Amino acid sequence: MSEVKRYHVTEAGLVEGEALGRINVVLGSDYDVAVAVGTAFGNTLERVVAERDALQASIVRLNDKLSCMSAHVLAYKLSRQRLLGRARARELLISELQQRLTAADERADVLEGLLRQTNELLYVIQGDPGAVPSSSIDAMRGEVFTALKPAADVFVDPLKGCDVCGGKCQQPEEKKTDPRLIDALREAGFLRND
């Protein structure tokens, strides 16, 4: 668009250009064009301001959503850590229980062997009581009493206590529950730090 032409009034009429001390005017058509452009610019400015405000509101909503999502991610991470801690505690507990089961199986095998030997010894004594020296009988009785002695590895569940007395007895020093298991159970939230 060309610039609005300005005129000043003289005795001869309108002269193009501005003059100091004279009345300056513009043509009506130029004025109408300038008003239309100004109005259009004003409308455009209002639209741009409205768009800016809407975008700022969108940014605020997105920031709120991002904060909410960040909180969810943090909660998920904490939950995942807690679950991993519980899984680790369960793995350690399963490992300890497996060791105790293996020991119990071995003890059952030893007792079964002694029972067979005792049965054979009794069979021999039944046939001829004097055929077996008393030292052999005493040795066999010693092995049986040793094998039948209560197992020192009574399982102590850190959550419930001893499975025999419910936690009233003291667990033998050499058979304490693995400290890693206790730590894992504490981390997983199964035990308090008392």
N, C-alpha and C. Protein backbone atom coordinates (compact mmCIF):
# COMPACT_ATOMS: atom_id res chain seq x y z
N MET A 1 0.85 -1.17 0.00
CA MET A 1 0.00 0.00 0.00
C MET A 1 0.90 1.24 0.00
N SER A 2 0.53 2.21 -0.79
CA SER A 2 1.31 3.45 -0.83
C SER A 2 0.99 4.28 0.40
N GLU A 3 1.90 5.17 0.74
CA GLU A 3 1.69 5.99 1.92
C GLU A 3 0.57 7.00 1.68
N VAL A 4 -0.01 7.42 2.80
CA VAL A 4 -1.08 8.42 2.73
C VAL A 4 -0.44 9.76 2.37
N LYS A 5 -1.02 10.40 1.38
CA LYS A 5 -0.48 11.70 0.97
C LYS A 5 -1.07 12.77 1.86
N ARG A 6 -0.19 13.69 2.26
CA ARG A 6 -0.63 14.80 3.12
C ARG A 6 -0.57 16.10 2.29
N TYR A 7 -1.51 16.96 2.60
CA TYR A 7 -1.59 18.25 1.90
C TYR A 7 -1.71 19.35 2.93
N HIS A 8 -1.27 20.55 2.51
CA HIS A 8 -1.53 21.68 3.38
C HIS A 8 -2.36 22.71 2.57
N VAL A 9 -3.09 23.50 3.31
CA VAL A 9 -4.04 24.42 2.66
C VAL A 9 -3.34 25.77 2.47
N THR A 10 -3.43 26.28 1.24
CA THR A 10 -2.91 27.62 0.94
C THR A 10 -4.04 28.43 0.32
N GLU A 11 -3.71 29.71 -0.04
CA GLU A 11 -4.72 30.54 -0.69
C GLU A 11 -5.06 30.01 -2.08
N ALA A 12 -4.12 29.26 -2.65
CA ALA A 12 -4.34 28.75 -4.00
C ALA A 12 -5.07 27.41 -3.97
N GLY A 13 -5.20 26.82 -2.78
CA GLY A 13 -5.84 25.50 -2.68
C GLY A 13 -4.94 24.52 -1.93
N LEU A 14 -5.08 23.26 -2.28
CA LEU A 14 -4.29 22.21 -1.61
C LEU A 14 -2.95 22.04 -2.31
N VAL A 15 -1.91 22.02 -1.51
CA VAL A 15 -0.57 21.81 -2.04
C VAL A 15 -0.03 20.54 -1.35
N GLU A 16 0.54 19.64 -2.15
CA GLU A 16 1.05 18.39 -1.59
C GLU A 16 2.24 18.68 -0.69
N GLY A 17 2.25 17.98 0.49
CA GLY A 17 3.33 18.15 1.44
C GLY A 17 2.84 18.84 2.69
N GLU A 18 3.72 18.93 3.66
CA GLU A 18 3.36 19.55 4.93
C GLU A 18 4.06 20.90 5.02
N ALA A 19 3.40 21.83 5.71
CA ALA A 19 4.00 23.14 5.90
C ALA A 19 3.75 23.56 7.33
N LEU A 20 4.78 24.19 7.90
CA LEU A 20 4.65 24.65 9.26
C LEU A 20 3.68 25.83 9.33
N GLY A 21 2.86 25.79 10.33
CA GLY A 21 1.93 26.91 10.52
C GLY A 21 0.73 26.83 9.62
N ARG A 22 0.60 25.82 8.85
CA ARG A 22 -0.55 25.68 7.95
C ARG A 22 -1.39 24.48 8.36
N ILE A 23 -2.58 24.43 7.98
CA ILE A 23 -3.46 23.31 8.25
C ILE A 23 -3.06 22.17 7.30
N ASN A 24 -2.83 20.98 7.91
CA ASN A 24 -2.48 19.79 7.11
C ASN A 24 -3.71 18.89 7.02
N VAL A 25 -3.92 18.33 5.86
CA VAL A 25 -5.09 17.47 5.64
C VAL A 25 -4.68 16.25 4.81
N VAL A 26 -5.58 15.24 4.81
CA VAL A 26 -5.41 14.07 3.93
C VAL A 26 -6.70 13.92 3.17
N LEU A 27 -6.62 13.24 2.05
CA LEU A 27 -7.84 13.00 1.26
C LEU A 27 -8.73 12.00 1.99
N GLY A 28 -9.99 12.10 1.82
CA GLY A 28 -10.96 11.20 2.49
C GLY A 28 -10.72 9.75 2.14
N SER A 29 -10.40 9.47 0.88
CA SER A 29 -10.19 8.09 0.46
C SER A 29 -8.95 7.51 1.16
N ASP A 30 -7.88 8.36 1.26
CA ASP A 30 -6.68 7.90 1.97
C ASP A 30 -6.99 7.67 3.45
N TYR A 31 -7.81 8.60 4.00
CA TYR A 31 -8.16 8.45 5.42
C TYR A 31 -8.94 7.15 5.64
N ASP A 32 -9.90 6.86 4.76
CA ASP A 32 -10.68 5.64 4.88
C ASP A 32 -9.79 4.39 4.80
N VAL A 33 -8.83 4.43 3.88
CA VAL A 33 -7.88 3.29 3.75
C VAL A 33 -7.06 3.17 5.03
N ALA A 34 -6.57 4.29 5.57
CA ALA A 34 -5.76 4.25 6.79
C ALA A 34 -6.58 3.72 7.96
N VAL A 35 -7.84 4.13 8.07
CA VAL A 35 -8.71 3.64 9.16
C VAL A 35 -8.94 2.14 8.99
N ALA A 36 -9.18 1.70 7.76
CA ALA A 36 -9.41 0.27 7.51
C ALA A 36 -8.17 -0.54 7.89
N VAL A 37 -6.99 -0.02 7.47
CA VAL A 37 -5.74 -0.71 7.81
C VAL A 37 -5.55 -0.73 9.32
N GLY A 38 -5.79 0.39 9.96
CA GLY A 38 -5.65 0.46 11.42
C GLY A 38 -6.61 -0.49 12.12
N THR A 39 -7.84 -0.52 11.63
CA THR A 39 -8.83 -1.42 12.21
C THR A 39 -8.40 -2.86 12.00
N ALA A 40 -7.96 -3.16 10.78
CA ALA A 40 -7.49 -4.52 10.49
C ALA A 40 -6.31 -4.88 11.39
N PHE A 41 -5.39 -3.92 11.54
CA PHE A 41 -4.23 -4.16 12.41
C PHE A 41 -4.69 -4.36 13.86
N GLY A 42 -5.65 -3.56 14.29
CA GLY A 42 -6.18 -3.69 15.65
C GLY A 42 -6.84 -5.05 15.85
N ASN A 43 -7.64 -5.46 14.83
CA ASN A 43 -8.29 -6.77 14.91
C ASN A 43 -7.25 -7.89 14.93
N THR A 44 -6.24 -7.73 14.09
CA THR A 44 -5.16 -8.72 14.05
C THR A 44 -4.44 -8.76 15.39
N LEU A 45 -4.18 -7.61 15.95
CA LEU A 45 -3.51 -7.53 17.24
C LEU A 45 -4.36 -8.20 18.33
N GLU A 46 -5.66 -7.92 18.31
CA GLU A 46 -6.54 -8.55 19.28
C GLU A 46 -6.54 -10.07 19.11
N ARG A 47 -6.56 -10.53 17.86
CA ARG A 47 -6.54 -11.98 17.59
C ARG A 47 -5.23 -12.59 18.06
N VAL A 48 -4.11 -11.89 17.79
CA VAL A 48 -2.80 -12.39 18.21
C VAL A 48 -2.73 -12.45 19.74
N VAL A 49 -3.25 -11.42 20.40
CA VAL A 49 -3.25 -11.41 21.87
C VAL A 49 -4.10 -12.56 22.39
N ALA A 50 -5.26 -12.80 21.79
CA ALA A 50 -6.14 -13.89 22.21
C ALA A 50 -5.45 -15.24 22.00
N GLU A 51 -4.76 -15.40 20.86
CA GLU A 51 -4.02 -16.64 20.60
C GLU A 51 -2.90 -16.83 21.61
N ARG A 52 -2.20 -15.73 21.92
CA ARG A 52 -1.13 -15.80 22.91
C ARG A 52 -1.67 -16.24 24.27
N ASP A 53 -2.79 -15.66 24.68
CA ASP A 53 -3.39 -16.02 25.96
C ASP A 53 -3.82 -17.49 25.97
N ALA A 54 -4.39 -17.94 24.85
CA ALA A 54 -4.81 -19.35 24.75
C ALA A 54 -3.59 -20.27 24.83
N LEU A 55 -2.50 -19.89 24.16
CA LEU A 55 -1.28 -20.70 24.20
C LEU A 55 -0.69 -20.73 25.61
N GLN A 56 -0.73 -19.59 26.30
CA GLN A 56 -0.23 -19.57 27.68
C GLN A 56 -1.08 -20.48 28.57
N ALA A 57 -2.40 -20.47 28.36
CA ALA A 57 -3.27 -21.36 29.14
C ALA A 57 -2.95 -22.82 28.83
N SER A 58 -2.67 -23.12 27.54
CA SER A 58 -2.28 -24.49 27.15
C SER A 58 -0.98 -24.89 27.82
N ILE A 59 -0.04 -23.96 27.87
CA ILE A 59 1.26 -24.25 28.51
C ILE A 59 1.04 -24.55 30.00
N VAL A 60 0.18 -23.80 30.66
CA VAL A 60 -0.10 -24.04 32.07
C VAL A 60 -0.72 -25.42 32.25
N ARG A 61 -1.70 -25.78 31.39
CA ARG A 61 -2.34 -27.10 31.48
C ARG A 61 -1.31 -28.20 31.24
N LEU A 62 -0.44 -28.02 30.24
CA LEU A 62 0.59 -29.03 29.95
C LEU A 62 1.59 -29.16 31.11
N ASN A 63 1.94 -28.03 31.72
CA ASN A 63 2.84 -28.08 32.89
C ASN A 63 2.18 -28.84 34.04
N ASP A 64 0.87 -28.62 34.24
CA ASP A 64 0.14 -29.35 35.28
C ASP A 64 0.15 -30.85 34.98
N LYS A 65 -0.11 -31.20 33.71
CA LYS A 65 -0.08 -32.61 33.32
C LYS A 65 1.31 -33.21 33.51
N LEU A 66 2.33 -32.44 33.15
CA LEU A 66 3.71 -32.91 33.31
C LEU A 66 4.03 -33.13 34.78
N SER A 67 3.60 -32.23 35.65
CA SER A 67 3.82 -32.41 37.09
C SER A 67 3.12 -33.67 37.58
N CYS A 68 1.90 -33.86 37.13
CA CYS A 68 1.13 -35.05 37.53
C CYS A 68 1.82 -36.32 37.03
N MET A 69 2.28 -36.30 35.78
CA MET A 69 2.97 -37.46 35.22
C MET A 69 4.28 -37.71 35.95
N SER A 70 4.98 -36.65 36.32
CA SER A 70 6.22 -36.81 37.07
C SER A 70 5.94 -37.47 38.42
N ALA A 71 4.86 -37.08 39.05
CA ALA A 71 4.49 -37.70 40.33
C ALA A 71 4.17 -39.18 40.14
N HIS A 72 3.47 -39.50 39.03
CA HIS A 72 3.16 -40.90 38.74
C HIS A 72 4.44 -41.70 38.48
N VAL A 73 5.36 -41.11 37.74
CA VAL A 73 6.63 -41.80 37.46
C VAL A 73 7.39 -42.05 38.76
N LEU A 74 7.44 -41.07 39.63
CA LEU A 74 8.13 -41.23 40.91
C LEU A 74 7.46 -42.33 41.73
N ALA A 75 6.13 -42.32 41.77
CA ALA A 75 5.40 -43.35 42.52
C ALA A 75 5.68 -44.73 41.92
N TYR A 76 5.73 -44.80 40.59
CA TYR A 76 6.03 -46.08 39.93
C TYR A 76 7.44 -46.55 40.29
N LYS A 77 8.41 -45.64 40.28
CA LYS A 77 9.78 -46.02 40.62
C LYS A 77 9.88 -46.52 42.05
N LEU A 78 9.21 -45.83 42.98
CA LEU A 78 9.23 -46.26 44.37
C LEU A 78 8.56 -47.62 44.53
N SER A 79 7.44 -47.80 43.85
CA SER A 79 6.74 -49.08 43.91
C SER A 79 7.60 -50.19 43.32
N ARG A 80 8.27 -49.90 42.23
CA ARG A 80 9.15 -50.88 41.58
C ARG A 80 10.31 -51.26 42.51
N GLN A 81 10.90 -50.25 43.17
CA GLN A 81 11.99 -50.54 44.10
C GLN A 81 11.49 -51.40 45.26
N ARG A 82 10.30 -51.09 45.76
CA ARG A 82 9.75 -51.88 46.86
C ARG A 82 9.50 -53.31 46.40
N LEU A 83 8.95 -53.48 45.19
CA LEU A 83 8.70 -54.82 44.67
C LEU A 83 10.00 -55.59 44.44
N LEU A 84 11.02 -54.89 43.91
CA LEU A 84 12.30 -55.54 43.72
C LEU A 84 12.91 -55.95 45.05
N GLY A 85 12.76 -55.11 46.06
CA GLY A 85 13.25 -55.46 47.39
C GLY A 85 12.53 -56.68 47.95
N ARG A 86 11.22 -56.73 47.74
CA ARG A 86 10.47 -57.89 48.21
C ARG A 86 10.87 -59.14 47.44
N ALA A 87 11.08 -59.00 46.14
CA ALA A 87 11.51 -60.15 45.35
C ALA A 87 12.87 -60.65 45.84
N ARG A 88 13.76 -59.73 46.12
CA ARG A 88 15.09 -60.10 46.62
C ARG A 88 14.97 -60.81 47.97
N ALA A 89 14.10 -60.29 48.84
CA ALA A 89 13.89 -60.92 50.14
C ALA A 89 13.32 -62.32 49.97
N ARG A 90 12.39 -62.46 49.05
CA ARG A 90 11.81 -63.79 48.82
C ARG A 90 12.85 -64.76 48.26
N GLU A 91 13.70 -64.27 47.35
CA GLU A 91 14.75 -65.13 46.80
C GLU A 91 15.69 -65.60 47.90
N LEU A 92 16.07 -64.69 48.80
CA LEU A 92 16.96 -65.08 49.90
C LEU A 92 16.26 -66.07 50.84
N LEU A 93 14.98 -65.83 51.11
CA LEU A 93 14.23 -66.73 51.97
C LEU A 93 14.11 -68.11 51.33
N ILE A 94 13.82 -68.14 50.04
CA ILE A 94 13.73 -69.42 49.32
C ILE A 94 15.07 -70.13 49.36
N SER A 95 16.16 -69.38 49.16
CA SER A 95 17.49 -69.99 49.20
C SER A 95 17.76 -70.59 50.57
N GLU A 96 17.43 -69.85 51.63
CA GLU A 96 17.67 -70.37 52.98
C GLU A 96 16.79 -71.58 53.26
N LEU A 97 15.54 -71.53 52.84
CA LEU A 97 14.66 -72.68 53.03
C LEU A 97 15.15 -73.89 52.25
N GLN A 98 15.68 -73.67 51.06
CA GLN A 98 16.22 -74.77 50.25
C GLN A 98 17.42 -75.40 50.95
N GLN A 99 18.29 -74.57 51.54
CA GLN A 99 19.43 -75.10 52.28
C GLN A 99 18.95 -75.94 53.47
N ARG A 100 17.95 -75.45 54.16
CA ARG A 100 17.43 -76.19 55.31
C ARG A 100 16.76 -77.49 54.87
N LEU A 101 16.07 -77.47 53.75
CA LEU A 101 15.45 -78.68 53.23
C LEU A 101 16.51 -79.71 52.86
N THR A 102 17.57 -79.24 52.23
CA THR A 102 18.67 -80.15 51.87
C THR A 102 19.28 -80.77 53.13
N ALA A 103 19.49 -79.95 54.15
CA ALA A 103 20.04 -80.47 55.41
C ALA A 103 19.08 -81.48 56.03
N ALA A 104 17.78 -81.21 55.99
CA ALA A 104 16.80 -82.14 56.54
C ALA A 104 16.79 -83.45 55.76
N ASP A 105 16.91 -83.36 54.43
CA ASP A 105 16.99 -84.58 53.61
C ASP A 105 18.22 -85.40 53.95
N GLU A 106 19.35 -84.73 54.13
CA GLU A 106 20.59 -85.43 54.49
C GLU A 106 20.43 -86.10 55.86
N ARG A 107 19.81 -85.40 56.80
CA ARG A 107 19.60 -85.97 58.14
C ARG A 107 18.68 -87.18 58.05
N ALA A 108 17.65 -87.10 57.23
CA ALA A 108 16.74 -88.24 57.07
C ALA A 108 17.50 -89.44 56.49
N ASP A 109 18.40 -89.18 55.53
CA ASP A 109 19.21 -90.26 54.96
C ASP A 109 20.10 -90.91 56.02
N VAL A 110 20.73 -90.09 56.87
CA VAL A 110 21.59 -90.61 57.94
C VAL A 110 20.77 -91.44 58.91
N LEU A 111 19.61 -90.93 59.31
CA LEU A 111 18.76 -91.67 60.25
C LEU A 111 18.27 -92.98 59.64
N GLU A 112 17.94 -92.95 58.36
CA GLU A 112 17.50 -94.18 57.70
C GLU A 112 18.62 -95.22 57.68
N GLY A 113 19.86 -94.75 57.39
CA GLY A 113 21.00 -95.66 57.40
C GLY A 113 21.23 -96.26 58.78
N LEU A 114 21.15 -95.44 59.81
CA LEU A 114 21.33 -95.94 61.18
C LEU A 114 20.21 -96.92 61.56
N LEU A 115 19.01 -96.63 61.10
CA LEU A 115 17.91 -97.54 61.39
C LEU A 115 18.15 -98.90 60.75
N ARG A 116 18.66 -98.91 59.54
CA ARG A 116 18.98 -100.18 58.87
C ARG A 116 20.08 -100.92 59.63
N GLN A 117 21.14 -100.18 60.02
CA GLN A 117 22.23 -100.82 60.77
C GLN A 117 21.72 -101.37 62.09
N THR A 118 20.87 -100.61 62.77
CA THR A 118 20.31 -101.06 64.05
C THR A 118 19.46 -102.30 63.84
N ASN A 119 18.69 -102.31 62.78
CA ASN A 119 17.86 -103.47 62.46
C ASN A 119 18.73 -104.70 62.23
N GLU A 120 19.81 -104.54 61.47
CA GLU A 120 20.73 -105.66 61.22
C GLU A 120 21.36 -106.14 62.53
N LEU A 121 21.78 -105.20 63.38
CA LEU A 121 22.38 -105.55 64.66
C LEU A 121 21.40 -106.31 65.54
N LEU A 122 20.15 -105.85 65.58
CA LEU A 122 19.14 -106.52 66.37
C LEU A 122 18.85 -107.92 65.82
N TYR A 123 18.89 -108.07 64.53
CA TYR A 123 18.66 -109.36 63.90
C TYR A 123 19.77 -110.34 64.31
N VAL A 124 21.02 -109.83 64.32
CA VAL A 124 22.14 -110.69 64.73
C VAL A 124 22.02 -111.04 66.21
N ILE A 125 21.65 -110.08 67.05
CA ILE A 125 21.51 -110.31 68.49
C ILE A 125 20.38 -111.30 68.75
N GLN A 126 19.33 -111.20 67.97
CA GLN A 126 18.19 -112.09 68.14
C GLN A 126 18.60 -113.55 67.92
N GLY A 127 19.45 -113.76 66.88
CA GLY A 127 19.90 -115.12 66.56
C GLY A 127 20.88 -115.65 67.58
N ASP A 128 21.85 -114.83 67.98
CA ASP A 128 22.87 -115.26 68.93
C ASP A 128 23.26 -114.06 69.77
N PRO A 129 22.73 -113.89 70.97
CA PRO A 129 22.97 -112.71 71.79
C PRO A 129 24.44 -112.48 72.11
N GLY A 130 25.25 -113.47 72.14
CA GLY A 130 26.65 -113.28 72.48
C GLY A 130 27.53 -113.02 71.28
N ALA A 131 26.97 -113.03 70.07
CA ALA A 131 27.77 -112.89 68.85
C ALA A 131 28.24 -111.46 68.63
N VAL A 132 27.59 -110.48 69.23
CA VAL A 132 27.94 -109.08 69.01
C VAL A 132 28.57 -108.54 70.30
N PRO A 133 29.82 -108.02 70.20
CA PRO A 133 30.45 -107.49 71.40
C PRO A 133 29.70 -106.25 71.91
N SER A 134 29.75 -106.02 73.21
CA SER A 134 29.04 -104.89 73.80
C SER A 134 29.60 -103.55 73.31
N SER A 135 30.88 -103.50 72.94
CA SER A 135 31.45 -102.25 72.41
C SER A 135 30.78 -101.85 71.09
N SER A 136 30.43 -102.83 70.27
CA SER A 136 29.73 -102.53 69.01
C SER A 136 28.34 -102.00 69.30
N ILE A 137 27.70 -102.62 70.30
CA ILE A 137 26.35 -102.16 70.66
C ILE A 137 26.42 -100.74 71.22
N ASP A 138 27.41 -100.48 72.09
CA ASP A 138 27.58 -99.13 72.65
C ASP A 138 27.88 -98.10 71.57
N ALA A 139 28.74 -98.48 70.60
CA ALA A 139 29.07 -97.56 69.50
C ALA A 139 27.83 -97.24 68.68
N MET A 140 27.01 -98.28 68.40
CA MET A 140 25.78 -98.07 67.62
C MET A 140 24.82 -97.18 68.39
N ARG A 141 24.67 -97.41 69.70
CA ARG A 141 23.79 -96.58 70.52
C ARG A 141 24.27 -95.13 70.51
N GLY A 142 25.60 -94.91 70.56
CA GLY A 142 26.15 -93.55 70.52
C GLY A 142 25.82 -92.86 69.21
N GLU A 143 25.96 -93.59 68.10
CA GLU A 143 25.64 -93.01 66.79
C GLU A 143 24.15 -92.66 66.70
N VAL A 144 23.30 -93.55 67.21
CA VAL A 144 21.86 -93.31 67.15
C VAL A 144 21.49 -92.10 68.01
N PHE A 145 22.04 -92.04 69.25
CA PHE A 145 21.73 -90.90 70.11
C PHE A 145 22.24 -89.59 69.49
N THR A 146 23.41 -89.63 68.87
CA THR A 146 23.95 -88.44 68.22
C THR A 146 23.03 -88.00 67.06
N ALA A 147 22.59 -88.99 66.29
CA ALA A 147 21.74 -88.67 65.14
C ALA A 147 20.37 -88.18 65.58
N LEU A 148 19.89 -88.69 66.69
CA LEU A 148 18.56 -88.30 67.15
C LEU A 148 18.57 -87.04 67.98
N LYS A 149 19.74 -86.52 68.29
CA LYS A 149 19.82 -85.28 69.05
C LYS A 149 19.07 -84.19 68.27
N PRO A 150 18.30 -83.38 68.95
CA PRO A 150 17.52 -82.36 68.21
C PRO A 150 18.42 -81.52 67.31
N ALA A 151 17.92 -81.27 66.14
CA ALA A 151 18.69 -80.48 65.17
C ALA A 151 18.86 -79.07 65.69
N ALA A 152 20.06 -78.54 65.51
CA ALA A 152 20.34 -77.17 65.98
C ALA A 152 19.86 -76.12 64.99
N ASP A 153 19.45 -76.59 63.83
CA ASP A 153 19.07 -75.61 62.80
C ASP A 153 17.56 -75.44 62.74
N VAL A 154 16.95 -75.14 63.89
CA VAL A 154 15.53 -74.83 63.92
C VAL A 154 15.32 -73.56 63.12
N PHE A 155 14.37 -73.58 62.21
CA PHE A 155 14.16 -72.42 61.34
C PHE A 155 13.52 -71.29 62.12
N VAL A 156 14.12 -70.13 62.01
CA VAL A 156 13.57 -68.94 62.65
C VAL A 156 13.10 -68.01 61.55
N ASP A 157 11.80 -67.89 61.43
CA ASP A 157 11.21 -66.98 60.47
C ASP A 157 11.30 -65.58 61.07
N PRO A 158 12.00 -64.65 60.39
CA PRO A 158 12.14 -63.30 60.96
C PRO A 158 10.81 -62.60 61.15
N LEU A 159 9.77 -63.05 60.46
CA LEU A 159 8.47 -62.41 60.60
C LEU A 159 7.66 -62.99 61.76
N LYS A 160 7.86 -64.29 62.08
CA LYS A 160 7.03 -64.94 63.09
C LYS A 160 7.82 -65.46 64.28
N GLY A 161 9.09 -65.63 64.15
CA GLY A 161 9.90 -66.20 65.23
C GLY A 161 10.13 -67.67 64.99
N CYS A 162 10.63 -68.34 65.99
CA CYS A 162 10.98 -69.76 65.93
C CYS A 162 9.74 -70.59 65.61
N ASP A 163 9.87 -71.62 64.75
CA ASP A 163 8.72 -72.44 64.40
C ASP A 163 8.40 -73.47 65.49
N VAL A 164 9.26 -73.61 66.50
CA VAL A 164 9.00 -74.55 67.57
C VAL A 164 8.27 -73.86 68.72
N CYS A 165 8.82 -72.73 69.17
CA CYS A 165 8.27 -72.08 70.36
C CYS A 165 7.57 -70.76 70.04
N GLY A 166 7.53 -70.36 68.79
CA GLY A 166 6.87 -69.10 68.44
C GLY A 166 7.70 -67.87 68.75
N GLY A 167 9.01 -68.02 68.92
CA GLY A 167 9.88 -66.88 69.12
C GLY A 167 10.32 -66.67 70.55
N LYS A 168 9.97 -67.61 71.47
CA LYS A 168 10.33 -67.44 72.88
C LYS A 168 11.76 -67.89 73.16
N CYS A 169 12.28 -68.80 72.36
CA CYS A 169 13.63 -69.30 72.61
C CYS A 169 14.65 -68.43 71.87
N GLN A 170 15.88 -68.65 72.16
CA GLN A 170 16.96 -67.95 71.46
C GLN A 170 17.51 -68.89 70.39
N GLN A 171 17.71 -68.38 69.23
CA GLN A 171 18.28 -69.17 68.16
C GLN A 171 19.77 -69.34 68.44
N PRO A 172 20.34 -70.55 68.25
CA PRO A 172 21.78 -70.74 68.47
C PRO A 172 22.60 -69.77 67.63
N GLU A 173 23.70 -69.29 68.19
CA GLU A 173 24.54 -68.29 67.52
C GLU A 173 24.99 -68.74 66.15
N GLU A 174 25.40 -70.00 66.01
CA GLU A 174 25.97 -70.45 64.74
C GLU A 174 24.91 -70.62 63.65
N LYS A 175 23.62 -70.58 63.99
CA LYS A 175 22.58 -70.80 63.00
C LYS A 175 21.68 -69.59 62.83
N LYS A 176 22.19 -68.40 63.06
CA LYS A 176 21.36 -67.20 62.90
C LYS A 176 20.94 -67.05 61.44
N THR A 177 19.80 -66.46 61.26
CA THR A 177 19.30 -66.20 59.91
C THR A 177 20.26 -65.26 59.19
N ASP A 178 20.46 -65.53 57.93
CA ASP A 178 21.38 -64.76 57.10
C ASP A 178 21.07 -63.26 57.22
N PRO A 179 22.05 -62.43 57.59
CA PRO A 179 21.79 -60.99 57.74
C PRO A 179 21.34 -60.34 56.44
N ARG A 180 21.75 -60.90 55.31
CA ARG A 180 21.30 -60.34 54.02
C ARG A 180 19.79 -60.51 53.88
N LEU A 181 19.27 -61.64 54.39
CA LEU A 181 17.84 -61.88 54.35
C LEU A 181 17.11 -60.86 55.22
N ILE A 182 17.64 -60.62 56.42
CA ILE A 182 17.03 -59.64 57.32
C ILE A 182 17.02 -58.26 56.67
N ASP A 183 18.16 -57.87 56.06
CA ASP A 183 18.25 -56.55 55.40
C ASP A 183 17.26 -56.46 54.25
N ALA A 184 17.17 -57.52 53.46
CA ALA A 184 16.25 -57.51 52.32
C ALA A 184 14.81 -57.44 52.79
N LEU A 185 14.48 -58.15 53.88
CA LEU A 185 13.13 -58.09 54.41
C LEU A 185 12.81 -56.70 54.95
N ARG A 186 13.81 -56.04 55.56
CA ARG A 186 13.59 -54.67 56.04
C ARG A 186 13.38 -53.72 54.87
N GLU A 187 14.22 -53.85 53.83
CA GLU A 187 14.10 -52.97 52.66
C GLU A 187 12.75 -53.14 51.99
N ALA A 188 12.26 -54.38 51.97
CA ALA A 188 10.99 -54.65 51.30
C ALA A 188 9.80 -54.24 52.15
N GLY A 189 10.05 -53.84 53.39
CA GLY A 189 8.95 -53.37 54.24
C GLY A 189 8.31 -54.48 55.07
N PHE A 190 8.90 -55.70 55.08
CA PHE A 190 8.36 -56.77 55.87
C PHE A 190 8.75 -56.65 57.35
N LEU A 191 9.89 -56.03 57.63
CA LEU A 191 10.38 -55.89 59.00
C LEU A 191 10.58 -54.42 59.33
N ARG A 192 10.38 -54.09 60.61
CA ARG A 192 10.69 -52.73 61.05
C ARG A 192 12.16 -52.70 61.45
N ASN A 193 12.70 -51.51 61.58
CA ASN A 193 14.11 -51.35 61.96
C ASN A 193 14.29 -51.32 63.47
N ASP A 194 13.44 -52.00 64.23
CA ASP A 194 13.56 -52.01 65.69
C ASP A 194 14.80 -52.75 66.12
